[in-house]
mmCIF file of all heavy atoms, coordinates in Angstrom:
data_MODEL
# 
_entry.id   MODEL 
# 
loop_
_atom_site.group_PDB 
_atom_site.id 
_atom_site.type_symbol 
_atom_site.label_atom_id 
_atom_site.label_alt_id 
_atom_site.label_comp_id 
_atom_site.label_asym_id 
_atom_site.label_entity_id 
_atom_site.label_seq_id 
_atom_site.pdbx_PDB_ins_code 
_atom_site.Cartn_x 
_atom_site.Cartn_y 
_atom_site.Cartn_z 
_atom_site.occupancy 
_atom_site.B_iso_or_equiv 
_atom_site.pdbx_formal_charge 
_atom_site.auth_seq_id 
_atom_site.auth_comp_id 
_atom_site.auth_asym_id 
_atom_site.auth_atom_id 
_atom_site.pdbx_PDB_model_num 
ATOM 1   N N   . CYS A 1 1  ? 6.665   3.025   -11.499 1.00 0.00 ? 1  CYS A N   1 
ATOM 2   C CA  . CYS A 1 1  ? 5.398   2.575   -10.906 1.00 0.00 ? 1  CYS A CA  1 
ATOM 3   C C   . CYS A 1 1  ? 5.313   3.172   -9.512  1.00 0.00 ? 1  CYS A C   1 
ATOM 4   O O   . CYS A 1 1  ? 6.027   2.747   -8.600  1.00 0.00 ? 1  CYS A O   1 
ATOM 5   C CB  . CYS A 1 1  ? 5.323   1.055   -10.844 1.00 0.00 ? 1  CYS A CB  1 
ATOM 6   S SG  . CYS A 1 1  ? 3.740   0.441   -10.199 1.00 0.00 ? 1  CYS A SG  1 
ATOM 7   N N   . SER A 1 2  ? 4.465   4.170   -9.357  1.00 0.00 ? 2  SER A N   1 
ATOM 8   C CA  . SER A 1 2  ? 4.367   4.895   -8.088  1.00 0.00 ? 2  SER A CA  1 
ATOM 9   C C   . SER A 1 2  ? 3.066   4.633   -7.353  1.00 0.00 ? 2  SER A C   1 
ATOM 10  O O   . SER A 1 2  ? 2.825   5.226   -6.294  1.00 0.00 ? 2  SER A O   1 
ATOM 11  C CB  . SER A 1 2  ? 4.499   6.401   -8.334  1.00 0.00 ? 2  SER A CB  1 
ATOM 12  O OG  . SER A 1 2  ? 3.444   6.848   -9.184  1.00 0.00 ? 2  SER A OG  1 
ATOM 13  N N   . ALA A 1 3  ? 2.205   3.757   -7.895  1.00 0.00 ? 3  ALA A N   1 
ATOM 14  C CA  . ALA A 1 3  ? 0.916   3.509   -7.236  1.00 0.00 ? 3  ALA A CA  1 
ATOM 15  C C   . ALA A 1 3  ? 0.382   2.134   -7.607  1.00 0.00 ? 3  ALA A C   1 
ATOM 16  O O   . ALA A 1 3  ? 0.602   1.638   -8.709  1.00 0.00 ? 3  ALA A O   1 
ATOM 17  C CB  . ALA A 1 3  ? -0.110  4.578   -7.620  1.00 0.00 ? 3  ALA A CB  1 
ATOM 18  N N   . THR A 1 4  ? -0.321  1.532   -6.659  1.00 0.00 ? 4  THR A N   1 
ATOM 19  C CA  . THR A 1 4  ? -1.097  0.327   -6.929  1.00 0.00 ? 4  THR A CA  1 
ATOM 20  C C   . THR A 1 4  ? -2.524  0.571   -6.471  1.00 0.00 ? 4  THR A C   1 
ATOM 21  O O   . THR A 1 4  ? -2.753  1.163   -5.403  1.00 0.00 ? 4  THR A O   1 
ATOM 22  C CB  . THR A 1 4  ? -0.501  -0.917  -6.243  1.00 0.00 ? 4  THR A CB  1 
ATOM 23  O OG1 . THR A 1 4  ? -1.282  -2.070  -6.585  1.00 0.00 ? 4  THR A OG1 1 
ATOM 24  C CG2 . THR A 1 4  ? -0.472  -0.788  -4.732  1.00 0.00 ? 4  THR A CG2 1 
ATOM 25  N N   . ALA A 1 5  ? -3.479  0.159   -7.283  1.00 0.00 ? 5  ALA A N   1 
ATOM 26  C CA  . ALA A 1 5  ? -4.896  0.371   -6.974  1.00 0.00 ? 5  ALA A CA  1 
ATOM 27  C C   . ALA A 1 5  ? -5.588  -0.979  -6.861  1.00 0.00 ? 5  ALA A C   1 
ATOM 28  O O   . ALA A 1 5  ? -5.463  -1.827  -7.745  1.00 0.00 ? 5  ALA A O   1 
ATOM 29  C CB  . ALA A 1 5  ? -5.557  1.209   -8.066  1.00 0.00 ? 5  ALA A CB  1 
ATOM 30  N N   . VAL A 1 6  ? -6.313  -1.181  -5.752  1.00 0.00 ? 6  VAL A N   1 
ATOM 31  C CA  . VAL A 1 6  ? -6.977  -2.452  -5.500  1.00 0.00 ? 6  VAL A CA  1 
ATOM 32  C C   . VAL A 1 6  ? -8.429  -2.202  -5.085  1.00 0.00 ? 6  VAL A C   1 
ATOM 33  O O   . VAL A 1 6  ? -8.758  -1.151  -4.552  1.00 0.00 ? 6  VAL A O   1 
ATOM 34  C CB  . VAL A 1 6  ? -6.263  -3.267  -4.393  1.00 0.00 ? 6  VAL A CB  1 
ATOM 35  C CG1 . VAL A 1 6  ? -4.831  -3.564  -4.804  1.00 0.00 ? 6  VAL A CG1 1 
ATOM 36  C CG2 . VAL A 1 6  ? -6.285  -2.532  -3.054  1.00 0.00 ? 6  VAL A CG2 1 
ATOM 37  N N   . ILE A 1 7  ? -9.261  -3.192  -5.326  1.00 0.00 ? 7  ILE A N   1 
ATOM 38  C CA  . ILE A 1 7  ? -10.644 -3.112  -4.873  1.00 0.00 ? 7  ILE A CA  1 
ATOM 39  C C   . ILE A 1 7  ? -10.703 -3.272  -3.362  1.00 0.00 ? 7  ILE A C   1 
ATOM 40  O O   . ILE A 1 7  ? -11.385 -2.516  -2.674  1.00 0.00 ? 7  ILE A O   1 
ATOM 41  C CB  . ILE A 1 7  ? -11.488 -4.212  -5.555  1.00 0.00 ? 7  ILE A CB  1 
ATOM 42  C CG1 . ILE A 1 7  ? -11.498 -4.014  -7.065  1.00 0.00 ? 7  ILE A CG1 1 
ATOM 43  C CG2 . ILE A 1 7  ? -12.924 -4.233  -5.003  1.00 0.00 ? 7  ILE A CG2 1 
ATOM 44  C CD1 . ILE A 1 7  ? -11.937 -5.237  -7.849  1.00 0.00 ? 7  ILE A CD1 1 
ATOM 45  N N   . PHE A 1 8  ? -9.951  -4.244  -2.845  1.00 0.00 ? 8  PHE A N   1 
ATOM 46  C CA  . PHE A 1 8  ? -10.063 -4.599  -1.434  1.00 0.00 ? 8  PHE A CA  1 
ATOM 47  C C   . PHE A 1 8  ? -8.690  -4.595  -0.767  1.00 0.00 ? 8  PHE A C   1 
ATOM 48  O O   . PHE A 1 8  ? -7.753  -5.195  -1.274  1.00 0.00 ? 8  PHE A O   1 
ATOM 49  C CB  . PHE A 1 8  ? -10.689 -5.990  -1.296  1.00 0.00 ? 8  PHE A CB  1 
ATOM 50  C CG  . PHE A 1 8  ? -11.140 -6.321  0.097   1.00 0.00 ? 8  PHE A CG  1 
ATOM 51  C CD1 . PHE A 1 8  ? -12.387 -5.936  0.542   1.00 0.00 ? 8  PHE A CD1 1 
ATOM 52  C CD2 . PHE A 1 8  ? -10.311 -7.010  0.965   1.00 0.00 ? 8  PHE A CD2 1 
ATOM 53  C CE1 . PHE A 1 8  ? -12.811 -6.232  1.834   1.00 0.00 ? 8  PHE A CE1 1 
ATOM 54  C CE2 . PHE A 1 8  ? -10.720 -7.303  2.253   1.00 0.00 ? 8  PHE A CE2 1 
ATOM 55  C CZ  . PHE A 1 8  ? -11.975 -6.915  2.688   1.00 0.00 ? 8  PHE A CZ  1 
ATOM 56  N N   . TYR A 1 9  ? -8.607  -3.915  0.365   1.00 0.00 ? 9  TYR A N   1 
ATOM 57  C CA  . TYR A 1 9  ? -7.395  -3.858  1.180   1.00 0.00 ? 9  TYR A CA  1 
ATOM 58  C C   . TYR A 1 9  ? -7.767  -4.364  2.571   1.00 0.00 ? 9  TYR A C   1 
ATOM 59  O O   . TYR A 1 9  ? -8.688  -3.852  3.181   1.00 0.00 ? 9  TYR A O   1 
ATOM 60  C CB  . TYR A 1 9  ? -6.879  -2.424  1.223   1.00 0.00 ? 9  TYR A CB  1 
ATOM 61  C CG  . TYR A 1 9  ? -5.839  -2.128  2.267   1.00 0.00 ? 9  TYR A CG  1 
ATOM 62  C CD1 . TYR A 1 9  ? -4.774  -3.000  2.498   1.00 0.00 ? 9  TYR A CD1 1 
ATOM 63  C CD2 . TYR A 1 9  ? -5.904  -0.952  3.027   1.00 0.00 ? 9  TYR A CD2 1 
ATOM 64  C CE1 . TYR A 1 9  ? -3.812  -2.710  3.460   1.00 0.00 ? 9  TYR A CE1 1 
ATOM 65  C CE2 . TYR A 1 9  ? -4.942  -0.661  3.975   1.00 0.00 ? 9  TYR A CE2 1 
ATOM 66  C CZ  . TYR A 1 9  ? -3.904  -1.539  4.186   1.00 0.00 ? 9  TYR A CZ  1 
ATOM 67  O OH  . TYR A 1 9  ? -2.952  -1.258  5.144   1.00 0.00 ? 9  TYR A OH  1 
ATOM 68  N N   . TYR A 1 10 ? -7.054  -5.378  3.043   1.00 0.00 ? 10 TYR A N   1 
ATOM 69  C CA  . TYR A 1 10 ? -7.401  -5.950  4.342   1.00 0.00 ? 10 TYR A CA  1 
ATOM 70  C C   . TYR A 1 10 ? -7.489  -4.878  5.428   1.00 0.00 ? 10 TYR A C   1 
ATOM 71  O O   . TYR A 1 10 ? -8.416  -4.852  6.225   1.00 0.00 ? 10 TYR A O   1 
ATOM 72  C CB  . TYR A 1 10 ? -6.386  -7.021  4.738   1.00 0.00 ? 10 TYR A CB  1 
ATOM 73  C CG  . TYR A 1 10 ? -6.728  -8.409  4.259   1.00 0.00 ? 10 TYR A CG  1 
ATOM 74  C CD1 . TYR A 1 10 ? -7.143  -8.635  2.943   1.00 0.00 ? 10 TYR A CD1 1 
ATOM 75  C CD2 . TYR A 1 10 ? -6.631  -9.509  5.102   1.00 0.00 ? 10 TYR A CD2 1 
ATOM 76  C CE1 . TYR A 1 10 ? -7.450  -9.910  2.497   1.00 0.00 ? 10 TYR A CE1 1 
ATOM 77  C CE2 . TYR A 1 10 ? -6.938  -10.790 4.664   1.00 0.00 ? 10 TYR A CE2 1 
ATOM 78  C CZ  . TYR A 1 10 ? -7.345  -10.985 3.365   1.00 0.00 ? 10 TYR A CZ  1 
ATOM 79  O OH  . TYR A 1 10 ? -7.648  -12.246 2.930   1.00 0.00 ? 10 TYR A OH  1 
ATOM 80  N N   . GLY A 1 11 ? -6.479  -4.032  5.536   1.00 0.00 ? 11 GLY A N   1 
ATOM 81  C CA  . GLY A 1 11 ? -6.511  -2.930  6.492   1.00 0.00 ? 11 GLY A CA  1 
ATOM 82  C C   . GLY A 1 11 ? -6.396  -3.343  7.947   1.00 0.00 ? 11 GLY A C   1 
ATOM 83  O O   . GLY A 1 11 ? -6.812  -2.601  8.837   1.00 0.00 ? 11 GLY A O   1 
ATOM 84  N N   . ILE A 1 12 ? -5.828  -4.536  8.201   1.00 0.00 ? 12 ILE A N   1 
ATOM 85  C CA  . ILE A 1 12 ? -5.749  -5.014  9.588   1.00 0.00 ? 12 ILE A CA  1 
ATOM 86  C C   . ILE A 1 12 ? -4.323  -5.375  10.011  1.00 0.00 ? 12 ILE A C   1 
ATOM 87  O O   . ILE A 1 12 ? -4.110  -5.718  11.178  1.00 0.00 ? 12 ILE A O   1 
ATOM 88  C CB  . ILE A 1 12 ? -6.668  -6.236  9.804   1.00 0.00 ? 12 ILE A CB  1 
ATOM 89  C CG1 . ILE A 1 12 ? -6.320  -7.375  8.837   1.00 0.00 ? 12 ILE A CG1 1 
ATOM 90  C CG2 . ILE A 1 12 ? -8.129  -5.837  9.648   1.00 0.00 ? 12 ILE A CG2 1 
ATOM 91  C CD1 . ILE A 1 12 ? -7.092  -8.672  9.085   1.00 0.00 ? 12 ILE A CD1 1 
ATOM 92  N N   . PHE A 1 13 ? -3.383  -5.304  9.076   1.00 0.00 ? 13 PHE A N   1 
ATOM 93  C CA  . PHE A 1 13 ? -1.996  -5.647  9.405   1.00 0.00 ? 13 PHE A CA  1 
ATOM 94  C C   . PHE A 1 13 ? -1.155  -4.382  9.469   1.00 0.00 ? 13 PHE A C   1 
ATOM 95  O O   . PHE A 1 13 ? -1.283  -3.488  8.622   1.00 0.00 ? 13 PHE A O   1 
ATOM 96  C CB  . PHE A 1 13 ? -1.417  -6.620  8.374   1.00 0.00 ? 13 PHE A CB  1 
ATOM 97  C CG  . PHE A 1 13 ? -2.146  -7.932  8.309   1.00 0.00 ? 13 PHE A CG  1 
ATOM 98  C CD1 . PHE A 1 13 ? -2.880  -8.285  7.188   1.00 0.00 ? 13 PHE A CD1 1 
ATOM 99  C CD2 . PHE A 1 13 ? -2.110  -8.814  9.376   1.00 0.00 ? 13 PHE A CD2 1 
ATOM 100 C CE1 . PHE A 1 13 ? -3.571  -9.482  7.127   1.00 0.00 ? 13 PHE A CE1 1 
ATOM 101 C CE2 . PHE A 1 13 ? -2.799  -10.018 9.334   1.00 0.00 ? 13 PHE A CE2 1 
ATOM 102 C CZ  . PHE A 1 13 ? -3.531  -10.349 8.208   1.00 0.00 ? 13 PHE A CZ  1 
ATOM 103 N N   . ASP A 1 14 ? -0.290  -4.310  10.470  1.00 0.00 ? 14 ASP A N   1 
ATOM 104 C CA  . ASP A 1 14 ? 0.522   -3.115  10.681  1.00 0.00 ? 14 ASP A CA  1 
ATOM 105 C C   . ASP A 1 14 ? 1.592   -2.960  9.603   1.00 0.00 ? 14 ASP A C   1 
ATOM 106 O O   . ASP A 1 14 ? 2.171   -3.944  9.136   1.00 0.00 ? 14 ASP A O   1 
ATOM 107 C CB  . ASP A 1 14 ? 1.213   -3.164  12.052  1.00 0.00 ? 14 ASP A CB  1 
ATOM 108 C CG  . ASP A 1 14 ? 0.228   -3.093  13.205  1.00 0.00 ? 14 ASP A CG  1 
ATOM 109 O OD1 . ASP A 1 14 ? -0.866  -2.526  13.010  1.00 0.00 ? 14 ASP A OD1 1 
ATOM 110 O OD2 . ASP A 1 14 ? 0.556   -3.608  14.299  1.00 0.00 ? 14 ASP A OD2 1 
ATOM 111 N N   . GLY A 1 15 ? 1.848   -1.721  9.256   1.00 0.00 ? 15 GLY A N   1 
ATOM 112 C CA  . GLY A 1 15 ? 3.012   -1.405  8.436   1.00 0.00 ? 15 GLY A CA  1 
ATOM 113 C C   . GLY A 1 15 ? 2.879   -1.601  6.948   1.00 0.00 ? 15 GLY A C   1 
ATOM 114 O O   . GLY A 1 15 ? 3.854   -1.394  6.213   1.00 0.00 ? 15 GLY A O   1 
ATOM 115 N N   . VAL A 1 16 ? 1.695   -1.989  6.449   1.00 0.00 ? 16 VAL A N   1 
ATOM 116 C CA  . VAL A 1 16 ? 1.557   -2.290  5.019   1.00 0.00 ? 16 VAL A CA  1 
ATOM 117 C C   . VAL A 1 16 ? 1.789   -1.040  4.173   1.00 0.00 ? 16 VAL A C   1 
ATOM 118 O O   . VAL A 1 16 ? 2.591   -1.042  3.230   1.00 0.00 ? 16 VAL A O   1 
ATOM 119 C CB  . VAL A 1 16 ? 0.175   -2.892  4.709   1.00 0.00 ? 16 VAL A CB  1 
ATOM 120 C CG1 . VAL A 1 16 ? 0.013   -3.116  3.206   1.00 0.00 ? 16 VAL A CG1 1 
ATOM 121 C CG2 . VAL A 1 16 ? -0.015  -4.196  5.468   1.00 0.00 ? 16 VAL A CG2 1 
ATOM 122 N N   . GLU A 1 17 ? 1.093   0.035   4.510   1.00 0.00 ? 17 GLU A N   1 
ATOM 123 C CA  . GLU A 1 17 ? 1.221   1.259   3.719   1.00 0.00 ? 17 GLU A CA  1 
ATOM 124 C C   . GLU A 1 17 ? 2.624   1.853   3.844   1.00 0.00 ? 17 GLU A C   1 
ATOM 125 O O   . GLU A 1 17 ? 3.140   2.437   2.887   1.00 0.00 ? 17 GLU A O   1 
ATOM 126 C CB  . GLU A 1 17 ? 0.137   2.256   4.118   1.00 0.00 ? 17 GLU A CB  1 
ATOM 127 C CG  . GLU A 1 17 ? -1.261  1.774   3.720   1.00 0.00 ? 17 GLU A CG  1 
ATOM 128 C CD  . GLU A 1 17 ? -2.366  2.733   4.089   1.00 0.00 ? 17 GLU A CD  1 
ATOM 129 O OE1 . GLU A 1 17 ? -2.355  3.855   3.545   1.00 0.00 ? 17 GLU A OE1 1 
ATOM 130 O OE2 . GLU A 1 17 ? -3.235  2.368   4.902   1.00 0.00 ? 17 GLU A OE2 1 
ATOM 131 N N   . LYS A 1 18 ? 3.258   1.673   5.006   1.00 0.00 ? 18 LYS A N   1 
ATOM 132 C CA  . LYS A 1 18 ? 4.634   2.146   5.168   1.00 0.00 ? 18 LYS A CA  1 
ATOM 133 C C   . LYS A 1 18 ? 5.591   1.330   4.305   1.00 0.00 ? 18 LYS A C   1 
ATOM 134 O O   . LYS A 1 18 ? 6.499   1.880   3.657   1.00 0.00 ? 18 LYS A O   1 
ATOM 135 C CB  . LYS A 1 18 ? 5.069   2.084   6.632   1.00 0.00 ? 18 LYS A CB  1 
ATOM 136 C CG  . LYS A 1 18 ? 6.471   2.639   6.854   1.00 0.00 ? 18 LYS A CG  1 
ATOM 137 C CD  . LYS A 1 18 ? 6.884   2.569   8.301   1.00 0.00 ? 18 LYS A CD  1 
ATOM 138 C CE  . LYS A 1 18 ? 8.228   3.264   8.533   1.00 0.00 ? 18 LYS A CE  1 
ATOM 139 N NZ  . LYS A 1 18 ? 9.296   2.766   7.666   1.00 0.00 ? 18 LYS A NZ  1 
ATOM 140 N N   . THR A 1 19 ? 5.387   -0.001  4.286   1.00 0.00 ? 19 THR A N   1 
ATOM 141 C CA  . THR A 1 19 ? 6.242   -0.864  3.459   1.00 0.00 ? 19 THR A CA  1 
ATOM 142 C C   . THR A 1 19 ? 6.150   -0.465  1.999   1.00 0.00 ? 19 THR A C   1 
ATOM 143 O O   . THR A 1 19 ? 7.171   -0.338  1.305   1.00 0.00 ? 19 THR A O   1 
ATOM 144 C CB  . THR A 1 19 ? 5.839   -2.337  3.624   1.00 0.00 ? 19 THR A CB  1 
ATOM 145 O OG1 . THR A 1 19 ? 6.049   -2.725  4.987   1.00 0.00 ? 19 THR A OG1 1 
ATOM 146 C CG2 . THR A 1 19 ? 6.662   -3.234  2.715   1.00 0.00 ? 19 THR A CG2 1 
ATOM 147 N N   . LEU A 1 20 ? 4.920   -0.268  1.517   1.00 0.00 ? 20 LEU A N   1 
ATOM 148 C CA  . LEU A 1 20 ? 4.737   0.158   0.136   1.00 0.00 ? 20 LEU A CA  1 
ATOM 149 C C   . LEU A 1 20 ? 5.309   1.557   -0.072  1.00 0.00 ? 20 LEU A C   1 
ATOM 150 O O   . LEU A 1 20 ? 5.980   1.829   -1.078  1.00 0.00 ? 20 LEU A O   1 
ATOM 151 C CB  . LEU A 1 20 ? 3.255   0.125   -0.229  1.00 0.00 ? 20 LEU A CB  1 
ATOM 152 C CG  . LEU A 1 20 ? 2.620   -1.265  -0.361  1.00 0.00 ? 20 LEU A CG  1 
ATOM 153 C CD1 . LEU A 1 20 ? 1.103   -1.153  -0.463  1.00 0.00 ? 20 LEU A CD1 1 
ATOM 154 C CD2 . LEU A 1 20 ? 3.169   -1.999  -1.575  1.00 0.00 ? 20 LEU A CD2 1 
ATOM 155 N N   . GLY A 1 21 ? 5.043   2.450   0.878   1.00 0.00 ? 21 GLY A N   1 
ATOM 156 C CA  . GLY A 1 21 ? 5.539   3.825   0.767   1.00 0.00 ? 21 GLY A CA  1 
ATOM 157 C C   . GLY A 1 21 ? 7.056   3.892   0.725   1.00 0.00 ? 21 GLY A C   1 
ATOM 158 O O   . GLY A 1 21 ? 7.634   4.680   -0.033  1.00 0.00 ? 21 GLY A O   1 
ATOM 159 N N   . ASP A 1 22 ? 7.716   3.057   1.534   1.00 0.00 ? 22 ASP A N   1 
ATOM 160 C CA  . ASP A 1 22 ? 9.179   3.026   1.527   1.00 0.00 ? 22 ASP A CA  1 
ATOM 161 C C   . ASP A 1 22 ? 9.712   2.549   0.180   1.00 0.00 ? 22 ASP A C   1 
ATOM 162 O O   . ASP A 1 22 ? 10.865  2.824   -0.176  1.00 0.00 ? 22 ASP A O   1 
ATOM 163 C CB  . ASP A 1 22 ? 9.690   2.105   2.636   1.00 0.00 ? 22 ASP A CB  1 
ATOM 164 C CG  . ASP A 1 22 ? 9.507   2.696   4.028   1.00 0.00 ? 22 ASP A CG  1 
ATOM 165 O OD1 . ASP A 1 22 ? 9.211   3.910   4.112   1.00 0.00 ? 22 ASP A OD1 1 
ATOM 166 O OD2 . ASP A 1 22 ? 9.625   1.945   5.011   1.00 0.00 ? 22 ASP A OD2 1 
ATOM 167 N N   . HIS A 1 23 ? 8.881   1.811   -0.556  1.00 0.00 ? 23 HIS A N   1 
ATOM 168 C CA  . HIS A 1 23 ? 9.248   1.326   -1.893  1.00 0.00 ? 23 HIS A CA  1 
ATOM 169 C C   . HIS A 1 23 ? 8.797   2.311   -2.982  1.00 0.00 ? 23 HIS A C   1 
ATOM 170 O O   . HIS A 1 23 ? 8.897   2.017   -4.171  1.00 0.00 ? 23 HIS A O   1 
ATOM 171 C CB  . HIS A 1 23 ? 8.600   -0.042  -2.124  1.00 0.00 ? 23 HIS A CB  1 
ATOM 172 C CG  . HIS A 1 23 ? 9.366   -0.940  -3.045  1.00 0.00 ? 23 HIS A CG  1 
ATOM 173 N ND1 . HIS A 1 23 ? 10.596  -1.478  -2.735  1.00 0.00 ? 23 HIS A ND1 1 
ATOM 174 C CD2 . HIS A 1 23 ? 9.087   -1.398  -4.304  1.00 0.00 ? 23 HIS A CD2 1 
ATOM 175 C CE1 . HIS A 1 23 ? 11.031  -2.223  -3.742  1.00 0.00 ? 23 HIS A CE1 1 
ATOM 176 N NE2 . HIS A 1 23 ? 10.127  -2.187  -4.702  1.00 0.00 ? 23 HIS A NE2 1 
ATOM 177 N N   . GLY A 1 24 ? 8.271   3.448   -2.538  1.00 0.00 ? 24 GLY A N   1 
ATOM 178 C CA  . GLY A 1 24 ? 7.825   4.465   -3.485  1.00 0.00 ? 24 GLY A CA  1 
ATOM 179 C C   . GLY A 1 24 ? 6.493   4.188   -4.130  1.00 0.00 ? 24 GLY A C   1 
ATOM 180 O O   . GLY A 1 24 ? 6.222   4.656   -5.241  1.00 0.00 ? 24 GLY A O   1 
ATOM 181 N N   . VAL A 1 25 ? 5.634   3.431   -3.413  1.00 0.00 ? 25 VAL A N   1 
ATOM 182 C CA  . VAL A 1 25 ? 4.350   3.027   -3.990  1.00 0.00 ? 25 VAL A CA  1 
ATOM 183 C C   . VAL A 1 25 ? 3.198   3.505   -3.111  1.00 0.00 ? 25 VAL A C   1 
ATOM 184 O O   . VAL A 1 25 ? 3.137   3.187   -1.924  1.00 0.00 ? 25 VAL A O   1 
ATOM 185 C CB  . VAL A 1 25 ? 4.274   1.492   -4.154  1.00 0.00 ? 25 VAL A CB  1 
ATOM 186 C CG1 . VAL A 1 25 ? 2.934   1.090   -4.766  1.00 0.00 ? 25 VAL A CG1 1 
ATOM 187 C CG2 . VAL A 1 25 ? 5.422   0.976   -5.012  1.00 0.00 ? 25 VAL A CG2 1 
ATOM 188 N N   . GLN A 1 26 ? 2.279   4.238   -3.705  1.00 0.00 ? 26 GLN A N   1 
ATOM 189 C CA  . GLN A 1 26 ? 1.063   4.690   -3.033  1.00 0.00 ? 26 GLN A CA  1 
ATOM 190 C C   . GLN A 1 26 ? -0.012  3.618   -3.157  1.00 0.00 ? 26 GLN A C   1 
ATOM 191 O O   . GLN A 1 26 ? -0.194  3.030   -4.222  1.00 0.00 ? 26 GLN A O   1 
ATOM 192 C CB  . GLN A 1 26 ? 0.569   5.983   -3.692  1.00 0.00 ? 26 GLN A CB  1 
ATOM 193 C CG  . GLN A 1 26 ? -0.767  6.513   -3.181  1.00 0.00 ? 26 GLN A CG  1 
ATOM 194 C CD  . GLN A 1 26 ? -1.272  7.673   -4.027  1.00 0.00 ? 26 GLN A CD  1 
ATOM 195 O OE1 . GLN A 1 26 ? -0.681  8.020   -5.059  1.00 0.00 ? 26 GLN A OE1 1 
ATOM 196 N NE2 . GLN A 1 26 ? -2.372  8.280   -3.608  1.00 0.00 ? 26 GLN A NE2 1 
ATOM 197 N N   . LEU A 1 27 ? -0.737  3.353   -2.068  1.00 0.00 ? 27 LEU A N   1 
ATOM 198 C CA  . LEU A 1 27 ? -1.822  2.378   -2.092  1.00 0.00 ? 27 LEU A CA  1 
ATOM 199 C C   . LEU A 1 27 ? -3.162  3.088   -2.219  1.00 0.00 ? 27 LEU A C   1 
ATOM 200 O O   . LEU A 1 27 ? -3.510  3.924   -1.386  1.00 0.00 ? 27 LEU A O   1 
ATOM 201 C CB  . LEU A 1 27 ? -1.810  1.524   -0.821  1.00 0.00 ? 27 LEU A CB  1 
ATOM 202 C CG  . LEU A 1 27 ? -2.961  0.519   -0.673  1.00 0.00 ? 27 LEU A CG  1 
ATOM 203 C CD1 . LEU A 1 27 ? -2.937  -0.507  -1.803  1.00 0.00 ? 27 LEU A CD1 1 
ATOM 204 C CD2 . LEU A 1 27 ? -2.899  -0.174  0.689   1.00 0.00 ? 27 LEU A CD2 1 
ATOM 205 N N   . ILE A 1 28 ? -3.910  2.733   -3.255  1.00 0.00 ? 28 ILE A N   1 
ATOM 206 C CA  . ILE A 1 28 ? -5.259  3.258   -3.485  1.00 0.00 ? 28 ILE A CA  1 
ATOM 207 C C   . ILE A 1 28 ? -6.224  2.083   -3.382  1.00 0.00 ? 28 ILE A C   1 
ATOM 208 O O   . ILE A 1 28 ? -5.998  1.039   -4.002  1.00 0.00 ? 28 ILE A O   1 
ATOM 209 C CB  . ILE A 1 28 ? -5.353  3.907   -4.882  1.00 0.00 ? 28 ILE A CB  1 
ATOM 210 C CG1 . ILE A 1 28 ? -4.367  5.080   -4.998  1.00 0.00 ? 28 ILE A CG1 1 
ATOM 211 C CG2 . ILE A 1 28 ? -6.781  4.369   -5.176  1.00 0.00 ? 28 ILE A CG2 1 
ATOM 212 C CD1 . ILE A 1 28 ? -4.119  5.539   -6.420  1.00 0.00 ? 28 ILE A CD1 1 
# 
């Protein structure tokens, strides 16, 4: 599982995409 796709991403908290990226997960 290399990606998660969501309708809505808060986009206001630091480090979310890095946390997912470090786990090998792309956020769409």
